[in-house]
């Protein structure tokens, strides 16, 4: 015989069963909606390759894909995992743009096509890309030798470094909020002394970046967030009291710096040092070498050693991960680390040349170009389909003169397109924008009559610089993947060594 408590429990279960049956028979008429849009009100960079939409109910995939609108349009591909949809961009979203995302007319998986009452609650979202901005070293007036930030999106210019420092080289941090630079005091520069130290300076730019999505490489994000700071806050991070600081490289994740240093009192004490935030600088024990570049994973570096390139872990005394005896210089890595652009020196005494190679992490080596001049730069576009290069050709005659070209090489076909023939000069640098839509380059005018010790800025050839202009070259691809020839635009900015912010 049932006890009173048992009867209550039984009646409760029967009642709940009836309610569940009614719900199943009548259906759930809750209107589906977008619960989360991962890029809502965020600033997106080139490393942000996909956004997520999370829905309140399982959705009919086709109805969502057919009704999603992005303005301006961004081509991409859909993928699904339960109630989450990912939209992966085919190319980075152009910088300096605000986007609107709309979804209406989509329905969930369990409703009929004719049931208009079960359509998704209309959704409107918005995001923007980072400002199109770059830094350069000024060459005229109060800007001479100082780091200057120019924001193309805002049409604003900012002097970042103080008057008493002469900037030699610099690299932006991945978030664009700071710049690492080497500089000497103006007094040392005037006396011709090489006494550069390392500093950081804030840009005043703060990025509200989206969180990483599954499968997305966000190694470039900083380990800790920093409070906003105004532009121009300079912090010294490495002095030159006991060691002379030479070349440096900032890891792609922004967490460490490799510096080439030589002991002032013992020149045989020459090598690489590792700098990490909050830690004492430490020497990196490796075999002696030359030029180097940190890999995209920030765990290894490529360094010229002997007659080739060694791939070394960032650990003292560790054995090389690989050795490439054919190549003598590395120019760049693809962002995902899948390939590198390297230079082979062809030692023919009658016809010495240099060749640019594509070297993949699978061991494939593909020759892209050969010249009797120099290969100054090579940078992968974000899609890894094109390499943009600075290549010179030796002009005939008794004088040693090199004719530089900005060239595009299609990595699938190997076709080279010379986009621009530059004035004859040896000191020229270029920077490919993070969205792959433009190249900055400088045009340096040397003053052979001036002596570098007079305090003038120096070119790569050691000559005093009279002035330098900055140029912008738009990059557009044809349907077949070849590059269109477009005239460059001279910028009203006297400067040199331009570099885009990420």
Foldseek 3Di string as FASTA:
>chain_A
DDDPVRVVVVVVVVVVVVVVVCCVVVDDLPAKEWPDKQQFAFAEFQLAFKIKTAMPAAWDVVQFVVFKDKVVDFDFDWDDDGRMIMTGGLFGDDALDKMKIKGWRTAHDPDDNPPNSRIHDIDIGMHHYHFWKWWFQAADDQRHQFIKIAGPSVRDIDTAEDSQWRWDDWDAQQQNQKIKTWTDGLVCQLQVHQWIFIKMWGQQDGGRHGDHDPPRDPLLAEPDDDDGDHGHDMDTDGGPPFKRWDDKAAASNRFKIKTWIAGPVHRVPTAIWIDGPPDDIGGAADDDFDDKYQALNNQWIWTFDDQWIFIGGRHHPDDTPDTDNQFGAWADAQNVRQWTWTKGWDPDVVQTKIWIWIAGPVGDIDTQDMESFDWDHWDAANSNQKIWTWDWHFDDDDDTWTWIFTWIAGPVVSDIDGQDTDPTDDFKDKEAANSRFKIKMKDWDFDQVDQSSNSADAGPVRTGTPWMWMKMDTWDADPVRHTDHDDIGTDPGIGHDMYIRD
